Amino acid sequence: MMSKAWIPNICTSLNLVFGILAIFMMIMGGVKFGPLIDGPICILLALAADGLDGRLARYLGTANELGKEMDSLCDVVSFGTAPGVMSVLFTLSVVSMAAMKAGIPPANLQYFLYFSIAAGVIYAVCGMWRLARFNINAAVVHGYFMGLPIPAGGCIIATATMLIANLPFIPPMAVGYAAPVVVIILGLLMVSRIHYPDFKGTGERINVIALIISLLFALGVIYLCRSAFPFAVLFAIFSTYAVLGILNTIYNKIA
């Protein structure tokens, strides 16, 4: 009789499939905004597959070490490599279009190219490091995630890409300067020792003040970016989680 383990393993494989598709779609999209939107959607679909495989494995009683290793390997691609590539291509597409309109020679864009590539590489490496540390600490760390989970980091980049592409008021050159910095910060958050809640009801206490400030941050993002409301909500969800972990760790140490 065929093992039921193939069911969650297919979901895990879909995680990788969507991650690879995200990379292909972004590369084929060139410098146009439209096709670049498809890449972020694939990363969000990878998140759905990533969340489903573990639940199916536990429900079917088929959780094993093979599945865990497959999950980590897929996450490196879908939430590490793909968002790293996305950050580079999207930043360069925005800056290139602005440069063409302003008559700036392509040679003057080398700074953005090198800086964006460095940021994407740093992010992907930090994601790999984060997953390796998670695997070896799985039996020790309970009730919270040590460092920003890599799916959250990847989805922040994906939803930020979707949001920026649909906002009419963000200066393109500002994106070129800020995006690589934000990508590096996300990478550092993943390998940090900041405690991120796992919302399972045990372990890390969620501070009320940190929660209120985080919710205000989310409302602020949605209000300021209301012209692209659906994308603003998606970005607010993932970015607020990143902010909540930082604030919650600080307030729990102070309290």
C-alpha atoms as a PDB file:
ATOM      1  CA  MET A   1       0.000   0.000   0.000  1.00  0.00           C
ATOM      2  CA  MET A   2       1.351   3.435  -0.922  1.00  0.00           C
ATOM      3  CA  SER A   3       2.397   5.579   2.037  1.00  0.00           C
ATOM      4  CA  LYS A   4       0.250   8.599   2.834  1.00  0.00           C
ATOM      5  CA  ALA A   5       3.468  10.652   3.133  1.00  0.00           C
ATOM      6  CA  TRP A   6       3.287  11.484  -0.575  1.00  0.00           C
ATOM      7  CA  ILE A   7       0.391  13.885   0.094  1.00  0.00           C
ATOM      8  CA  PRO A   8       2.297  16.393   2.280  1.00  0.00           C
ATOM      9  CA  ASN A   9       5.416  15.799   0.172  1.00  0.00           C
ATOM     10  CA  ILE A  10       3.541  17.022  -2.901  1.00  0.00           C
ATOM     11  CA  CYS A  11       2.647  20.230  -1.029  1.00  0.00           C
ATOM     12  CA  THR A  12       6.294  20.640  -0.060  1.00  0.00           C
ATOM     13  CA  SER A  13       7.290  20.148  -3.691  1.00  0.00           C
ATOM     14  CA  LEU A  14       4.743  22.775  -4.760  1.00  0.00           C
ATOM     15  CA  ASN A  15       6.531  25.199  -2.467  1.00  0.00           C
ATOM     16  CA  LEU A  16       9.677  24.685  -4.554  1.00  0.00           C
ATOM     17  CA  VAL A  17       7.752  24.765  -7.839  1.00  0.00           C
ATOM     18  CA  PHE A  18       6.236  28.153  -7.024  1.00  0.00           C
ATOM     19  CA  GLY A  19       9.623  29.475  -5.923  1.00  0.00           C
ATOM     20  CA  ILE A  20      11.237  28.457  -9.206  1.00  0.00           C
ATOM     21  CA  LEU A  21       8.310  29.877 -11.184  1.00  0.00           C
ATOM     22  CA  ALA A  22       8.708  33.169  -9.344  1.00  0.00           C
ATOM     23  CA  ILE A  23      12.323  33.398 -10.506  1.00  0.00           C
ATOM     24  CA  PHE A  24      11.453  32.479 -14.104  1.00  0.00           C
ATOM     25  CA  MET A  25       8.601  34.978 -14.251  1.00  0.00           C
ATOM     26  CA  MET A  26      10.753  37.791 -12.922  1.00  0.00           C
ATOM     27  CA  ILE A  27      13.560  37.068 -15.362  1.00  0.00           C
ATOM     28  CA  MET A  28      11.170  36.873 -18.300  1.00  0.00           C
ATOM     29  CA  GLY A  29       9.415  40.023 -17.124  1.00  0.00           C
ATOM     30  CA  GLY A  30      12.422  42.217 -17.921  1.00  0.00           C
ATOM     31  CA  VAL A  31      11.983  45.807 -16.820  1.00  0.00           C
ATOM     32  CA  LYS A  32       8.198  45.944 -17.093  1.00  0.00           C
ATOM     33  CA  PHE A  33       6.092  46.277 -13.952  1.00  0.00           C
ATOM     34  CA  GLY A  34       3.242  44.061 -15.121  1.00  0.00           C
ATOM     35  CA  PRO A  35       5.011  40.681 -15.392  1.00  0.00           C
ATOM     36  CA  LEU A  36       6.931  41.387 -12.205  1.00  0.00           C
ATOM     37  CA  ILE A  37       3.671  41.248 -10.299  1.00  0.00           C
ATOM     38  CA  ASP A  38       3.385  37.523 -11.120  1.00  0.00           C
ATOM     39  CA  GLY A  39       6.601  36.688  -9.251  1.00  0.00           C
ATOM     40  CA  PRO A  40       5.317  37.977  -5.899  1.00  0.00           C
ATOM     41  CA  ILE A  41       2.077  36.050  -6.362  1.00  0.00           C
ATOM     42  CA  CYS A  42       4.094  32.853  -6.818  1.00  0.00           C
ATOM     43  CA  ILE A  43       5.929  33.525  -3.551  1.00  0.00           C
ATOM     44  CA  LEU A  44       2.607  33.947  -1.749  1.00  0.00           C
ATOM     45  CA  LEU A  45       1.431  30.658  -3.285  1.00  0.00           C
ATOM     46  CA  ALA A  46       4.659  29.055  -2.042  1.00  0.00           C
ATOM     47  CA  LEU A  47       3.749  30.335   1.433  1.00  0.00           C
ATOM     48  CA  ALA A  48       0.354  28.645   1.192  1.00  0.00           C
ATOM     49  CA  ALA A  49       1.979  25.354   0.176  1.00  0.00           C
ATOM     50  CA  ASP A  50       4.564  25.721   2.953  1.00  0.00           C
ATOM     51  CA  GLY A  51       1.862  26.203   5.553  1.00  0.00           C
ATOM     52  CA  LEU A  52      -0.219  23.305   4.299  1.00  0.00           C
ATOM     53  CA  ASP A  53       2.420  20.579   4.114  1.00  0.00           C
ATOM     54  CA  GLY A  54       3.219  20.520   7.826  1.00  0.00           C
ATOM     55  CA  ARG A  55      -0.452  20.511   8.808  1.00  0.00           C
ATOM     56  CA  LEU A  56      -1.174  17.649   6.429  1.00  0.00           C
ATOM     57  CA  ALA A  57       1.804  15.670   7.727  1.00  0.00           C
ATOM     58  CA  ARG A  58       0.644  16.050  11.329  1.00  0.00           C
ATOM     59  CA  TYR A  59      -2.973  15.280  10.447  1.00  0.00           C
ATOM     60  CA  LEU A  60      -2.013  12.136   8.518  1.00  0.00           C
ATOM     61  CA  GLY A  61       0.614  11.121  11.076  1.00  0.00           C
ATOM     62  CA  THR A  62       3.362  11.066   8.453  1.00  0.00           C
ATOM     63  CA  ALA A  63       5.712  13.752   9.822  1.00  0.00           C
ATOM     64  CA  ASN A  64       9.324  12.605   9.469  1.00  0.00           C
ATOM     65  CA  GLU A  65      12.877  13.901   9.071  1.00  0.00           C
ATOM     66  CA  LEU A  66      12.748  13.600   5.266  1.00  0.00           C
ATOM     67  CA  GLY A  67       9.803  15.972   5.125  1.00  0.00           C
ATOM     68  CA  LYS A  68      11.565  18.458   7.395  1.00  0.00           C
ATOM     69  CA  GLU A  69      14.690  18.455   5.240  1.00  0.00           C
ATOM     70  CA  MET A  70      12.640  18.861   2.067  1.00  0.00           C
ATOM     71  CA  ASP A  71      10.790  21.778   3.639  1.00  0.00           C
ATOM     72  CA  SER A  72      13.999  23.615   4.509  1.00  0.00           C
ATOM     73  CA  LEU A  73      15.538  23.061   1.078  1.00  0.00           C
ATOM     74  CA  CYS A  74      12.397  24.380  -0.615  1.00  0.00           C
ATOM     75  CA  ASP A  75      12.271  27.400   1.706  1.00  0.00           C
ATOM     76  CA  VAL A  76      15.815  28.387   0.723  1.00  0.00           C
ATOM     77  CA  VAL A  77      14.653  28.739  -2.877  1.00  0.00           C
ATOM     78  CA  SER A  78      11.148  30.136  -2.421  1.00  0.00           C
ATOM     79  CA  PHE A  79      11.788  32.567   0.433  1.00  0.00           C
ATOM     80  CA  GLY A  80      15.553  33.108   0.165  1.00  0.00           C
ATOM     81  CA  THR A  81      16.776  32.969  -3.432  1.00  0.00           C
ATOM     82  CA  ALA A  82      13.566  34.072  -5.193  1.00  0.00           C
ATOM     83  CA  PRO A  83      12.993  37.204  -3.049  1.00  0.00           C
ATOM     84  CA  GLY A  84      16.702  38.044  -3.346  1.00  0.00           C
ATOM     85  CA  VAL A  85      16.461  37.899  -7.149  1.00  0.00           C
ATOM     86  CA  MET A  86      13.189  39.813  -7.024  1.00  0.00           C
ATOM     87  CA  SER A  87      14.670  42.645  -4.993  1.00  0.00           C
ATOM     88  CA  VAL A  88      17.486  43.080  -7.514  1.00  0.00           C
ATOM     89  CA  LEU A  89      15.355  42.942 -10.673  1.00  0.00           C
ATOM     90  CA  PHE A  90      12.587  45.112  -9.306  1.00  0.00           C
ATOM     91  CA  THR A  91      14.927  47.788  -7.950  1.00  0.00           C
ATOM     92  CA  LEU A  92      16.845  47.942 -11.223  1.00  0.00           C
ATOM     93  CA  SER A  93      13.637  48.064 -13.272  1.00  0.00           C
ATOM     94  CA  VAL A  94      12.346  51.032 -11.272  1.00  0.00           C
ATOM     95  CA  VAL A  95      15.650  52.901 -11.399  1.00  0.00           C
ATOM     96  CA  SER A  96      16.214  52.130 -15.092  1.00  0.00           C
ATOM     97  CA  MET A  97      12.851  53.553 -16.098  1.00  0.00           C
ATOM     98  CA  ALA A  98      13.474  56.679 -14.047  1.00  0.00           C
ATOM     99  CA  ALA A  99      16.940  57.050 -15.558  1.00  0.00           C
ATOM    100  CA  MET A 100      15.631  56.730 -19.116  1.00  0.00           C
ATOM    101  CA  LYS A 101      13.040  59.419 -18.501  1.00  0.00           C
ATOM    102  CA  ALA A 102      15.669  61.704 -16.969  1.00  0.00           C
ATOM    103  CA  GLY A 103      18.245  61.014 -19.700  1.00  0.00           C
ATOM    104  CA  ILE A 104      20.751  59.505 -17.251  1.00  0.00           C
ATOM    105  CA  PRO A 105      23.396  57.283 -18.973  1.00  0.00           C
ATOM    106  CA  PRO A 106      23.167  53.574 -18.049  1.00  0.00           C
ATOM    107  CA  ALA A 107      26.806  53.655 -16.893  1.00  0.00           C
ATOM    108  CA  ASN A 108      25.755  55.877 -14.008  1.00  0.00           C
ATOM    109  CA  LEU A 109      23.521  53.109 -12.684  1.00  0.00           C
ATOM    110  CA  GLN A 110      26.372  50.772 -11.763  1.00  0.00           C
ATOM    111  CA  TYR A 111      26.086  51.827  -8.118  1.00  0.00           C
ATOM    112  CA  PHE A 112      22.475  50.592  -7.972  1.00  0.00           C
ATOM    113  CA  LEU A 113      23.422  47.375  -9.761  1.00  0.00           C
ATOM    114  CA  TYR A 114      26.248  46.418  -7.394  1.00  0.00           C
ATOM    115  CA  PHE A 115      24.419  47.558  -4.267  1.00  0.00           C
ATOM    116  CA  SER A 116      21.223  45.696  -5.234  1.00  0.00           C
ATOM    117  CA  ILE A 117      23.092  42.488  -6.072  1.00  0.00           C
ATOM    118  CA  ALA A 118      25.032  42.643  -2.801  1.00  0.00           C
ATOM    119  CA  ALA A 119      21.801  43.149  -0.853  1.00  0.00           C
ATOM    120  CA  GLY A 120      20.066  40.241  -2.609  1.00  0.00           C
ATOM    121  CA  VAL A 121      23.015  37.921  -1.956  1.00  0.00           C
ATOM    122  CA  ILE A 122      23.244  38.954   1.702  1.00  0.00           C
ATOM    123  CA  TYR A 123      19.528  38.331   2.144  1.00  0.00           C
ATOM    124  CA  ALA A 124      19.685  34.853   0.560  1.00  0.00           C
ATOM    125  CA  VAL A 125      22.729  33.843   2.622  1.00  0.00           C
ATOM    126  CA  CYS A 126      21.087  35.057   5.828  1.00  0.00           C
ATOM    127  CA  GLY A 127      17.994  33.044   4.902  1.00  0.00           C
ATOM    128  CA  MET A 128      20.075  29.891   4.495  1.00  0.00           C
ATOM    129  CA  TRP A 129      21.782  30.570   7.827  1.00  0.00           C
ATOM    130  CA  ARG A 130      18.410  31.167   9.491  1.00  0.00           C
ATOM    131  CA  LEU A 131      17.040  27.824   8.280  1.00  0.00           C
ATOM    132  CA  ALA A 132      20.150  25.901   9.336  1.00  0.00           C
ATOM    133  CA  ARG A 133      20.009  27.439  12.804  1.00  0.00           C
ATOM    134  CA  PHE A 134      16.305  26.674  13.069  1.00  0.00           C
ATOM    135  CA  ASN A 135      16.892  23.000  12.243  1.00  0.00           C
ATOM    136  CA  ILE A 136      19.589  22.472  14.856  1.00  0.00           C
ATOM    137  CA  ASN A 137      17.699  24.454  17.531  1.00  0.00           C
ATOM    138  CA  ALA A 138      14.292  22.864  16.884  1.00  0.00           C
ATOM    139  CA  ALA A 139      14.579  20.716  20.003  1.00  0.00           C
ATOM    140  CA  VAL A 140      15.757  23.636  22.166  1.00  0.00           C
ATOM    141  CA  VAL A 141      13.781  26.715  21.085  1.00  0.00           C
ATOM    142  CA  HIS A 142      10.068  26.458  21.910  1.00  0.00           C
ATOM    143  CA  GLY A 143       7.221  28.958  21.973  1.00  0.00           C
ATOM    144  CA  TYR A 144       8.812  31.456  19.612  1.00  0.00           C
ATOM    145  CA  PHE A 145      10.940  31.827  16.495  1.00  0.00           C
ATOM    146  CA  MET A 146      14.509  33.013  16.985  1.00  0.00           C
ATOM    147  CA  GLY A 147      14.910  35.603  14.261  1.00  0.00           C
ATOM    148  CA  LEU A 148      12.433  36.595  11.581  1.00  0.00           C
ATOM    149  CA  PRO A 149      11.100  33.413   9.903  1.00  0.00           C
ATOM    150  CA  ILE A 150      12.305  33.224   6.303  1.00  0.00           C
ATOM    151  CA  PRO A 151       8.762  32.883   4.853  1.00  0.00           C
ATOM    152  CA  ALA A 152       7.862  36.201   6.494  1.00  0.00           C
ATOM    153  CA  GLY A 153      11.001  37.845   5.113  1.00  0.00           C
ATOM    154  CA  GLY A 154      10.308  36.581   1.610  1.00  0.00           C
ATOM    155  CA  CYS A 155       6.677  37.695   1.741  1.00  0.00           C
ATOM    156  CA  ILE A 156       7.660  41.171   2.950  1.00  0.00           C
ATOM    157  CA  ILE A 157       9.789  41.574  -0.183  1.00  0.00           C
ATOM    158  CA  ALA A 158       7.048  40.086  -2.392  1.00  0.00           C
ATOM    159  CA  THR A 159       4.232  42.251  -1.025  1.00  0.00           C
ATOM    160  CA  ALA A 160       6.441  45.364  -0.992  1.00  0.00           C
ATOM    161  CA  THR A 161       7.142  44.776  -4.686  1.00  0.00           C
ATOM    162  CA  MET A 162       3.433  44.477  -5.421  1.00  0.00           C
ATOM    163  CA  LEU A 163       2.657  47.582  -3.382  1.00  0.00           C
ATOM    164  CA  ILE A 164       5.356  49.827  -4.853  1.00  0.00           C
ATOM    165  CA  ALA A 165       4.441  48.778  -8.394  1.00  0.00           C
ATOM    166  CA  ASN A 166       0.886  49.998  -7.781  1.00  0.00           C
ATOM    167  CA  LEU A 167       1.621  53.250  -5.934  1.00  0.00           C
ATOM    168  CA  PRO A 168       1.687  56.470  -7.961  1.00  0.00           C
ATOM    169  CA  PHE A 169       3.615  58.645  -5.548  1.00  0.00           C
ATOM    170  CA  ILE A 170       6.909  56.922  -4.563  1.00  0.00           C
ATOM    171  CA  PRO A 171       9.953  58.517  -6.310  1.00  0.00           C
ATOM    172  CA  PRO A 172      11.757  55.787  -8.312  1.00  0.00           C
ATOM    173  CA  MET A 173      15.221  56.896  -7.240  1.00  0.00           C
ATOM    174  CA  ALA A 174      14.166  56.729  -3.597  1.00  0.00           C
ATOM    175  CA  VAL A 175      13.228  53.085  -4.177  1.00  0.00           C
ATOM    176  CA  GLY A 176      16.668  52.500  -5.671  1.00  0.00           C
ATOM    177  CA  TYR A 177      18.382  53.809  -2.566  1.00  0.00           C
ATOM    178  CA  ALA A 178      16.043  52.399   0.077  1.00  0.00           C
ATOM    179  CA  ALA A 179      15.160  48.944  -1.259  1.00  0.00           C
ATOM    180  CA  PRO A 180      18.641  47.340  -0.933  1.00  0.00           C
ATOM    181  CA  VAL A 181      18.983  48.739   2.593  1.00  0.00           C
ATOM    182  CA  VAL A 182      15.626  47.270   3.618  1.00  0.00           C
ATOM    183  CA  VAL A 183      16.544  43.913   2.053  1.00  0.00           C
ATOM    184  CA  ILE A 184      19.787  43.804   4.072  1.00  0.00           C
ATOM    185  CA  ILE A 185      17.896  44.698   7.261  1.00  0.00           C
ATOM    186  CA  LEU A 186      15.465  41.830   6.626  1.00  0.00           C
ATOM    187  CA  GLY A 187      18.411  39.480   6.202  1.00  0.00           C
ATOM    188  CA  LEU A 188      19.922  40.626   9.493  1.00  0.00           C
ATOM    189  CA  LEU A 189      16.556  40.236  11.252  1.00  0.00           C
ATOM    190  CA  MET A 190      16.448  36.602  10.131  1.00  0.00           C
ATOM    191  CA  VAL A 191      19.788  35.784  11.757  1.00  0.00           C
ATOM    192  CA  SER A 192      19.154  37.955  14.813  1.00  0.00           C
ATOM    193  CA  ARG A 193      18.134  36.677  18.238  1.00  0.00           C
ATOM    194  CA  ILE A 194      14.905  38.657  18.262  1.00  0.00           C
ATOM    195  CA  HIS A 195      12.003  36.550  19.495  1.00  0.00           C
ATOM    196  CA  TYR A 196       9.083  36.350  17.088  1.00  0.00           C
ATOM    197  CA  PRO A 197       5.796  34.963  18.440  1.00  0.00           C
ATOM    198  CA  ASP A 198       4.589  31.682  16.947  1.00  0.00           C
ATOM    199  CA  PHE A 199       0.987  32.365  18.090  1.00  0.00           C
ATOM    200  CA  LYS A 200       0.585  28.855  19.443  1.00  0.00           C
ATOM    201  CA  GLY A 201      -0.388  30.065  22.914  1.00  0.00           C
ATOM    202  CA  THR A 202       2.801  28.985  24.686  1.00  0.00           C
ATOM    203  CA  GLY A 203       6.208  30.489  25.250  1.00  0.00           C
ATOM    204  CA  GLU A 204       6.737  34.083  24.148  1.00  0.00           C
ATOM    205  CA  ARG A 205       4.481  36.607  25.883  1.00  0.00           C
ATOM    206  CA  ILE A 206       2.980  39.245  23.599  1.00  0.00           C
ATOM    207  CA  ASN A 207       3.350  42.659  25.242  1.00  0.00           C
ATOM    208  CA  VAL A 208       0.218  44.819  25.019  1.00  0.00           C
ATOM    209  CA  ILE A 209       2.131  48.035  24.287  1.00  0.00           C
ATOM    210  CA  ALA A 210       4.145  46.373  21.531  1.00  0.00           C
ATOM    211  CA  LEU A 211       0.949  44.962  20.041  1.00  0.00           C
ATOM    212  CA  ILE A 212      -0.832  48.328  20.069  1.00  0.00           C
ATOM    213  CA  ILE A 213       2.100  50.146  18.443  1.00  0.00           C
ATOM    214  CA  SER A 214       2.357  47.398  15.810  1.00  0.00           C
ATOM    215  CA  LEU A 215      -1.347  47.660  15.010  1.00  0.00           C
ATOM    216  CA  LEU A 216      -1.018  51.436  14.699  1.00  0.00           C
ATOM    217  CA  PHE A 217       1.889  50.843  12.314  1.00  0.00           C
ATOM    218  CA  ALA A 218      -0.310  48.543  10.216  1.00  0.00           C
ATOM    219  CA  LEU A 219      -3.135  51.074  10.107  1.00  0.00           C
ATOM    220  CA  GLY A 220      -0.656  53.791   9.137  1.00  0.00           C
ATOM    221  CA  VAL A 221       0.685  51.719   6.239  1.00  0.00           C
ATOM    222  CA  ILE A 222      -2.820  50.953   4.988  1.00  0.00           C
ATOM    223  CA  TYR A 223      -3.908  54.591   5.259  1.00  0.00           C
ATOM    224  CA  LEU A 224      -0.833  56.046   3.544  1.00  0.00           C
ATOM    225  CA  CYS A 225      -1.012  53.457   0.758  1.00  0.00           C
ATOM    226  CA  ARG A 226      -4.804  53.329   0.462  1.00  0.00           C
ATOM    227  CA  SER A 227      -4.614  54.061  -3.275  1.00  0.00           C
ATOM    228  CA  ALA A 228      -3.364  50.457  -3.637  1.00  0.00           C
ATOM    229  CA  PHE A 229      -5.531  49.077  -0.850  1.00  0.00           C
ATOM    230  CA  PRO A 230      -5.329  45.276  -1.399  1.00  0.00           C
ATOM    231  CA  PHE A 231      -1.544  45.396  -1.772  1.00  0.00           C
ATOM    232  CA  ALA A 232      -1.253  47.729   1.225  1.00  0.00           C
ATOM    233  CA  VAL A 233      -3.141  45.238   3.403  1.00  0.00           C
ATOM    234  CA  LEU A 234      -0.914  42.354   2.323  1.00  0.00           C
ATOM    235  CA  PHE A 235       2.250  44.341   2.959  1.00  0.00           C
ATOM    236  CA  ALA A 236       0.927  45.596   6.304  1.00  0.00           C
ATOM    237  CA  ILE A 237       0.297  42.035   7.516  1.00  0.00           C
ATOM    238  CA  PHE A 238       3.842  40.800   6.954  1.00  0.00           C
ATOM    239  CA  SER A 239       5.722  44.018   7.778  1.00  0.00           C
ATOM    240  CA  THR A 240       3.743  44.445  11.001  1.00  0.00           C
ATOM    241  CA  TYR A 241       4.852  40.984  12.114  1.00  0.00           C
ATOM    242  CA  ALA A 242       8.476  42.047  11.595  1.00  0.00           C
ATOM    243  CA  VAL A 243       7.878  45.193  13.657  1.00  0.00           C
ATOM    244  CA  LEU A 244       5.971  43.303  16.363  1.00  0.00           C
ATOM    245  CA  GLY A 245       8.871  40.930  16.979  1.00  0.00           C
ATOM    246  CA  ILE A 246      11.322  43.800  17.474  1.00  0.00           C
ATOM    247  CA  LEU A 247       9.033  45.794  19.782  1.00  0.00           C
ATOM    248  CA  ASN A 248       7.859  42.744  21.711  1.00  0.00           C
ATOM    249  CA  THR A 249      11.432  41.617  22.407  1.00  0.00           C
ATOM    250  CA  ILE A 250      12.408  45.103  23.599  1.00  0.00           C
ATOM    251  CA  TYR A 251       9.388  45.565  25.887  1.00  0.00           C
ATOM    252  CA  ASN A 252       9.674  42.041  27.326  1.00  0.00           C
ATOM    253  CA  LYS A 253      13.284  42.718  28.259  1.00  0.00           C
ATOM    254  CA  ILE A 254      12.370  46.049  29.857  1.00  0.00           C
ATOM    255  CA  ALA A 255       9.345  44.688  31.741  1.00  0.00           C
END
